[in-house]
Amino acid sequence: MNCKKLITILLVIASMTAAACGNADTSSPESTADTTTTTTTAETQTEEETPDEETTPAEQEVQGMERYEDMIVELPPEGYDEARDGVEYPEFTKYSYFSHTAERDTNVNVLLPADYSEDKEYPVLYILHGFYDSEDWMARDQVALSRILTNLQLDGEAEEMIVVLPYIFCSKTLEYTTGMDEENCLAYDNFINDLETDLMPFIEENFSVAKGRENTAITGFSMGGRESLFIGCTHPEQFGYIAAVCPAPGLAPGQMSPEELSFPDDEKPYVLLISSSNSDGVVTTFPNNYRGSFDSNGEVFLSHVMEKTGHDASSVKPHLYNYMRMLFKD
C-alpha cells in the first residue's frame, strides 16, 4: 500500500473509531504532557529524599524510569540503520500457528538473534502493525529493524532478544480487514485474546524464551500502538515494557475509560514510552490524549516527540531505536 493511500485510510480511523469502537472523544483537549523530546511525567523524586529513605513502589518506578530520559533522542544518529561491512544480519522467518481465537492458521514473523542457541533463554519483544497491514509491515527493508537492532547490539546498547511480528487482525468471520466499521475495529481489539491463548504459548513452546514481565515487551504503530497500550494496561503482570508510536484513537475513551490507563502499585512498567510526531496528520494530537490520561492517573511515562516525521516508517524507526535501547535492563 502506498503512503498516500495509507494516510487516507488512517485519517478515516481518527474520525470513525470514536463511533465504531467506543465513542472516543475526537476533540483535541489541551494535553497535560510536555511536548519536549524527552519528558517524564508524574511525581518524581524530591531533592529531600535520600537513598536510605523508604519509598513506595510507584516512587521506585519513577526513579527507575528517570534513567532513560537522557537516552531519548528525537532522531537517531546518521548510519544507525545501515548495513555494516562484514556483519551478517539475521532475517525474519515466517511461521504459522493455529489460532483458536480466530479459528484458523495465522502467520507470524520471528527474528532470532544471530547466535541464537537453545542453551540460552532470550527476552521477547512483540511489535504490532497498523490498520490494513500485516505481519510483514515491520519486517520490510524500509523499516530496517534487523539492522537497527543488530547495530545497537554491536555497539553494546541493546540486549539480545527475540522479536515477534504477529498478524493482529483476529476475527472468526473475516480473514483480513474489509473496512472501517465496528466489526473490523473489534477484530484488532480481539488480538489480546489471540496473544494470550495462542501466540505467546506458541512462541514459548517453539523458542528458548525467558519468561516473566521483566523479559517481555510490547510496542506497536498506529492501530498496533493502540493495541499495545490496551494489552500492556490489561496485562501488566506479563508485560514489564510497554510502548506505542503514533497510537490510534479509540482505546480510552473506548475499550477502556481514561481512568483505566493505570497500573497496580506492584506492577508498574519498567518502561512506558509514547512516541509521536507533531507533523502527523493522521492521528494528529491523539497521542497527547493518552499522555494526558496517564499523567492524570499519576502514572510515570517517557515521551518521545518528533517534529517533522510522518505517520509511517520515518516515525517508527526512531521509536524503535530509542525503545530497544531501554529494553530488558532491569
Protein backbone atom coordinates (compact mmCIF):
# COMPACT_ATOMS: atom_id res chain seq x y z
CA MET A 1 0.00 0.00 0.00
CA ASN A 2 1.42 3.40 -0.95
CA CYS A 3 1.91 6.09 1.67
CA LYS A 4 -0.82 8.38 0.32
CA LYS A 5 -3.43 5.64 0.45
CA LEU A 6 -2.34 4.58 3.94
CA ILE A 7 -2.61 8.16 5.18
CA THR A 8 -6.08 8.48 3.66
CA ILE A 9 -7.17 5.28 5.36
CA LEU A 10 -5.77 6.23 8.74
CA LEU A 11 -7.34 9.67 8.55
CA VAL A 12 -10.67 7.88 8.46
CA ILE A 13 -9.67 5.92 11.57
CA ALA A 14 -9.37 9.12 13.53
CA SER A 15 -12.93 10.13 12.67
CA MET A 16 -14.59 6.71 12.65
CA THR A 17 -13.04 4.99 15.65
CA ALA A 18 -14.99 7.19 18.03
CA ALA A 19 -18.34 5.96 16.73
CA ALA A 20 -17.35 2.45 15.70
CA CYS A 21 -15.14 1.37 18.59
CA GLY A 22 -16.18 3.09 21.74
CA ASN A 23 -17.22 6.68 21.08
CA ALA A 24 -13.74 8.12 21.54
CA ASP A 25 -13.59 11.85 22.11
CA THR A 26 -12.48 13.33 18.80
CA SER A 27 -11.84 16.74 20.25
CA SER A 28 -8.28 17.81 20.94
CA PRO A 29 -8.23 18.72 24.63
CA GLU A 30 -5.27 20.57 25.95
CA SER A 31 -2.69 17.97 26.85
CA THR A 32 -1.06 17.91 30.24
CA ALA A 33 2.02 16.29 28.72
CA ASP A 34 5.06 18.31 27.73
CA THR A 35 5.85 18.42 24.03
CA THR A 36 9.57 18.25 24.53
CA THR A 37 11.62 15.49 23.03
CA THR A 38 12.36 13.82 26.36
CA THR A 39 9.80 14.02 29.11
CA THR A 40 8.95 12.04 32.21
CA THR A 41 5.69 12.98 33.88
CA ALA A 42 4.03 12.27 37.22
CA GLU A 43 5.62 12.97 40.56
CA THR A 44 9.37 12.47 40.65
CA GLN A 45 11.85 12.00 43.43
CA THR A 46 12.34 15.12 45.52
CA GLU A 47 15.71 16.52 46.48
CA GLU A 48 14.95 15.81 50.12
CA GLU A 49 14.80 12.05 49.54
CA THR A 50 17.87 10.06 50.41
CA PRO A 51 18.93 6.59 49.26
CA ASP A 52 18.04 5.23 52.71
CA GLU A 53 14.54 6.70 52.72
CA GLU A 54 11.75 4.20 52.28
CA THR A 55 9.88 4.67 49.00
CA THR A 56 6.66 3.31 47.59
CA PRO A 57 6.64 1.03 44.50
CA ALA A 58 5.34 3.96 42.43
CA GLU A 59 8.20 6.19 43.61
CA GLN A 60 10.71 3.44 42.85
CA GLU A 61 9.39 3.21 39.29
CA VAL A 62 9.82 6.97 38.85
CA GLN A 63 13.42 6.73 39.94
CA GLY A 64 13.97 3.69 37.71
CA MET A 65 12.41 5.16 34.57
CA GLU A 66 14.15 8.52 35.00
CA ARG A 67 17.45 6.97 33.98
CA TYR A 68 16.14 6.54 30.42
CA GLU A 69 15.23 10.21 29.91
CA ASP A 70 18.63 11.28 28.68
CA MET A 71 18.77 8.26 26.41
CA ILE A 72 15.91 9.51 24.22
CA VAL A 73 16.85 11.31 21.01
CA GLU A 74 14.38 12.86 18.58
CA LEU A 75 16.17 11.29 15.61
CA PRO A 76 18.93 8.66 15.70
CA PRO A 77 22.48 9.39 14.55
CA GLU A 78 23.36 9.01 10.90
CA GLY A 79 24.05 5.45 9.80
CA TYR A 80 22.10 3.80 12.61
CA ASP A 81 20.01 1.81 10.10
CA GLU A 82 22.69 0.98 7.56
CA ALA A 83 24.41 -2.36 6.99
CA ARG A 84 27.99 -2.51 8.22
CA ASP A 85 30.80 -4.24 6.37
CA GLY A 86 31.43 -7.78 7.48
CA VAL A 87 28.26 -8.04 9.60
CA GLU A 88 25.71 -10.79 8.98
CA TYR A 89 22.25 -9.51 9.84
CA PRO A 90 19.63 -12.06 10.91
CA GLU A 91 16.45 -12.27 8.86
CA PHE A 92 12.83 -12.74 9.83
CA THR A 93 11.38 -16.22 9.36
CA LYS A 94 7.66 -16.74 8.84
CA TYR A 95 5.87 -19.35 10.91
CA SER A 96 2.25 -20.41 11.22
CA TYR A 97 0.30 -21.34 14.34
CA PHE A 98 -3.32 -22.29 14.88
CA SER A 99 -5.31 -19.51 16.47
CA HIS A 100 -8.18 -20.91 18.49
CA THR A 101 -9.32 -17.34 18.90
CA ALA A 102 -9.71 -16.79 15.13
CA GLU A 103 -10.24 -20.49 14.37
CA ARG A 104 -7.64 -20.53 11.59
CA ASP A 105 -3.93 -20.81 10.92
CA THR A 106 -2.25 -17.45 11.45
CA ASN A 107 1.15 -16.18 10.29
CA VAL A 108 3.82 -14.64 12.46
CA ASN A 109 7.33 -13.37 11.65
CA VAL A 110 10.11 -14.13 14.14
CA LEU A 111 13.60 -12.63 14.30
CA LEU A 112 16.12 -14.65 16.28
CA PRO A 113 19.50 -13.36 17.48
CA ALA A 114 22.38 -14.06 15.11
CA ASP A 115 23.95 -16.50 17.58
CA TYR A 116 20.65 -17.97 18.80
CA SER A 117 21.15 -21.04 20.96
CA GLU A 118 18.67 -23.35 22.69
CA ASP A 119 21.08 -23.34 25.63
CA LYS A 120 20.22 -19.72 26.37
CA GLU A 121 16.89 -18.06 27.17
CA TYR A 122 16.04 -14.78 25.43
CA PRO A 123 13.62 -11.99 26.30
CA VAL A 124 10.87 -11.28 23.76
CA LEU A 125 9.67 -8.09 22.07
CA TYR A 126 6.26 -8.14 20.36
CA ILE A 127 5.71 -5.44 17.71
CA LEU A 128 2.20 -4.81 16.34
CA HIS A 129 1.33 -3.44 12.89
CA GLY A 130 -1.27 -0.84 11.94
CA PHE A 131 -4.71 -0.85 10.29
CA TYR A 132 -4.95 -2.68 6.95
CA ASP A 133 -1.41 -4.06 7.29
CA SER A 134 0.03 -7.44 8.22
CA GLU A 135 2.82 -9.27 10.00
CA ASP A 136 5.11 -8.28 7.12
CA TRP A 137 4.95 -4.50 7.65
CA MET A 138 7.67 -4.25 10.30
CA ALA A 139 9.77 -6.86 8.51
CA ARG A 140 10.15 -4.67 5.42
CA ASP A 141 13.59 -3.49 4.39
CA GLN A 142 12.29 0.08 4.71
CA VAL A 143 11.92 -0.35 8.47
CA ALA A 144 15.41 -1.91 8.75
CA LEU A 145 14.53 -3.47 12.09
CA SER A 146 17.19 -6.17 11.99
CA ARG A 147 19.91 -3.70 11.03
CA ILE A 148 18.91 -1.22 13.74
CA LEU A 149 18.80 -3.86 16.47
CA THR A 150 21.98 -5.64 15.39
CA ASN A 151 23.92 -2.37 15.16
CA LEU A 152 22.74 -1.43 18.64
CA GLN A 153 23.87 -4.80 19.95
CA LEU A 154 27.27 -4.45 18.30
CA ASP A 155 27.64 -1.06 19.99
CA GLY A 156 26.67 -2.53 23.36
CA GLU A 157 23.44 -0.51 23.52
CA ALA A 158 20.82 -3.26 23.22
CA GLU A 159 20.34 -6.71 24.68
CA GLU A 160 19.89 -9.87 22.67
CA MET A 161 16.19 -10.56 22.16
CA ILE A 162 13.66 -12.44 20.09
CA VAL A 163 11.43 -10.11 18.04
CA VAL A 164 7.91 -11.27 17.16
CA LEU A 165 5.76 -9.64 14.47
CA PRO A 166 2.23 -11.06 14.67
CA TYR A 167 -0.82 -10.62 12.47
CA ILE A 168 -3.15 -8.72 14.81
CA PHE A 169 -6.43 -8.77 12.86
CA CYS A 170 -8.25 -11.52 14.76
CA SER A 171 -11.73 -12.43 13.56
CA LYS A 172 -13.62 -15.71 13.18
CA THR A 173 -15.60 -14.37 10.23
CA LEU A 174 -13.08 -12.19 8.38
CA GLU A 175 -9.56 -13.21 7.32
CA TYR A 176 -8.45 -9.63 6.71
CA THR A 177 -9.65 -6.06 7.16
CA THR A 178 -12.56 -5.20 4.89
CA GLY A 179 -13.40 -1.69 6.06
CA MET A 180 -13.54 0.76 8.91
CA ASP A 181 -16.51 -0.34 10.92
CA GLU A 182 -17.22 -1.80 14.33
CA GLU A 183 -16.64 -5.41 13.27
CA ASN A 184 -13.20 -4.67 11.85
CA CYS A 185 -12.10 -2.49 14.75
CA LEU A 186 -13.16 -5.09 17.29
CA ALA A 187 -11.12 -7.70 15.41
CA TYR A 188 -7.98 -5.71 16.22
CA ASP A 189 -9.02 -5.38 19.86
CA ASN A 190 -9.63 -9.15 19.89
CA PHE A 191 -5.93 -9.78 19.30
CA ILE A 192 -5.43 -9.55 23.05
CA ASN A 193 -7.16 -12.95 23.32
CA ASP A 194 -5.13 -14.50 20.50
CA LEU A 195 -1.94 -13.25 22.13
CA GLU A 196 -2.79 -14.78 25.49
CA THR A 197 -4.37 -18.03 24.33
CA ASP A 198 -2.44 -18.87 21.18
CA LEU A 199 0.56 -16.75 20.16
CA MET A 200 2.51 -16.47 23.41
CA PRO A 201 2.18 -20.21 24.12
CA PHE A 202 3.36 -20.91 20.54
CA ILE A 203 6.43 -18.69 20.95
CA GLU A 204 7.27 -20.12 24.36
CA GLU A 205 6.88 -23.71 23.12
CA ASN A 206 8.98 -23.32 20.00
CA PHE A 207 11.75 -20.93 21.05
CA SER A 208 14.07 -20.58 24.01
CA VAL A 209 12.22 -17.82 25.84
CA ALA A 210 12.98 -16.12 29.13
CA LYS A 211 9.59 -15.74 30.81
CA GLY A 212 8.31 -13.11 33.23
CA ARG A 213 7.30 -9.47 32.85
CA GLU A 214 10.94 -8.41 33.18
CA ASN A 215 11.62 -10.37 29.96
CA THR A 216 8.55 -9.42 27.93
CA ALA A 217 7.98 -6.20 25.97
CA ILE A 218 5.36 -4.88 23.57
CA THR A 219 5.01 -1.93 21.22
CA GLY A 220 3.08 -1.07 18.08
CA PHE A 221 2.41 1.51 15.39
CA SER A 222 -0.91 3.35 14.90
CA MET A 223 -3.68 0.76 15.49
CA GLY A 224 -0.94 -1.53 16.77
CA GLY A 225 0.10 1.23 19.17
CA ARG A 226 -3.43 1.46 20.48
CA GLU A 227 -3.43 -2.32 20.98
CA SER A 228 -0.03 -2.38 22.69
CA LEU A 229 -1.30 0.14 25.27
CA PHE A 230 -4.50 -1.90 25.67
CA ILE A 231 -2.57 -5.12 26.20
CA GLY A 232 0.03 -3.53 28.47
CA CYS A 233 -2.56 -1.92 30.74
CA THR A 234 -4.71 -5.06 30.80
CA HIS A 235 -1.85 -7.47 31.47
CA PRO A 236 0.82 -5.60 33.47
CA GLU A 237 1.65 -8.90 35.18
CA GLN A 238 3.03 -10.14 31.85
CA PHE A 239 4.48 -7.06 30.16
CA GLY A 240 7.09 -5.04 32.01
CA TYR A 241 7.95 -2.89 28.99
CA ILE A 242 5.16 -1.09 27.13
CA ALA A 243 5.35 1.42 24.28
CA ALA A 244 3.44 2.88 21.35
CA VAL A 245 4.33 5.03 18.35
CA CYS A 246 1.64 7.27 16.82
CA PRO A 247 -1.10 5.32 18.67
CA ALA A 248 -4.56 5.45 17.08
CA PRO A 249 -7.60 6.77 18.98
CA GLY A 250 -10.41 4.65 20.40
CA LEU A 251 -8.77 2.98 23.39
CA ALA A 252 -9.62 5.41 26.20
CA PRO A 253 -12.31 6.52 25.97
CA GLY A 254 -13.41 3.48 24.01
CA GLN A 255 -12.44 -0.02 25.06
CA MET A 256 -11.36 1.42 28.41
CA SER A 257 -12.12 4.52 30.42
CA PRO A 258 -9.29 7.08 30.73
CA GLU A 259 -9.09 6.18 34.42
CA GLU A 260 -8.17 2.62 33.48
CA LEU A 261 -4.92 3.74 31.85
CA SER A 262 -3.08 2.87 35.04
CA PHE A 263 -1.19 0.06 36.74
CA PRO A 264 -1.29 -1.62 40.17
CA ASP A 265 1.37 -0.38 42.56
CA ASP A 266 3.23 -3.70 42.43
CA GLU A 267 3.07 -3.99 38.61
CA LYS A 268 4.29 -0.65 37.34
CA PRO A 269 6.08 -0.90 33.97
CA TYR A 270 9.84 -0.65 33.90
CA VAL A 271 9.38 1.46 30.77
CA LEU A 272 6.26 3.14 29.40
CA LEU A 273 7.11 5.10 26.25
CA ILE A 274 4.83 7.06 23.91
CA SER A 275 6.34 8.36 20.67
CA SER A 276 4.55 10.74 18.30
CA SER A 277 5.15 13.38 15.67
CA ASN A 278 3.92 16.95 15.67
CA SER A 279 3.62 16.64 11.88
CA ASP A 280 1.45 13.51 11.99
CA GLY A 281 -1.68 14.44 10.05
CA VAL A 282 -3.32 11.07 10.69
CA VAL A 283 -3.61 10.58 14.45
CA THR A 284 -2.82 14.29 14.99
CA THR A 285 -2.90 15.08 18.73
CA PHE A 286 -4.49 11.83 19.90
CA PRO A 287 -1.22 10.50 21.41
CA ASN A 288 -1.35 13.51 23.75
CA ASN A 289 -4.75 12.32 24.97
CA TYR A 290 -3.15 9.10 26.15
CA ARG A 291 -0.29 11.04 27.72
CA GLY A 292 -2.81 13.24 29.50
CA SER A 293 -4.71 10.24 30.87
CA PHE A 294 -1.57 8.55 32.19
CA ASP A 295 -0.47 11.83 33.72
CA SER A 296 -3.87 12.44 35.36
CA ASN A 297 -3.72 8.94 36.82
CA GLY A 298 -0.31 9.64 38.34
CA GLU A 299 1.48 7.19 36.06
CA VAL A 300 5.09 7.67 35.04
CA PHE A 301 5.90 7.58 31.34
CA LEU A 302 8.54 8.65 28.87
CA SER A 303 7.67 10.93 25.98
CA HIS A 304 9.43 10.99 22.62
CA VAL A 305 8.23 13.77 20.32
CA MET A 306 9.39 14.17 16.74
CA GLU A 307 8.80 17.36 14.78
CA LYS A 308 8.83 16.54 11.07
CA THR A 309 8.38 12.78 10.72
CA GLY A 310 5.18 11.27 9.33
CA HIS A 311 2.66 8.54 10.03
CA ASP A 312 4.99 5.94 8.57
CA ALA A 313 8.40 4.33 8.98
CA SER A 314 10.02 7.75 9.47
CA SER A 315 8.45 7.79 12.95
CA VAL A 316 8.60 4.06 13.62
CA LYS A 317 12.36 3.73 13.17
CA PRO A 318 13.38 6.45 15.68
CA HIS A 319 10.87 5.00 18.14
CA LEU A 320 12.37 1.52 17.82
CA TYR A 321 15.89 2.94 18.12
CA ASN A 322 15.01 4.57 21.46
CA TYR A 323 12.84 1.77 22.82
CA MET A 324 15.16 -1.14 22.04
CA ARG A 325 17.98 0.62 23.89
CA MET A 326 15.83 0.63 27.05
CA LEU A 327 14.64 -2.96 26.98
CA PHE A 328 15.49 -5.68 29.46
CA LYS A 329 17.91 -3.60 31.54
CA ASP A 330 16.03 -4.38 34.75
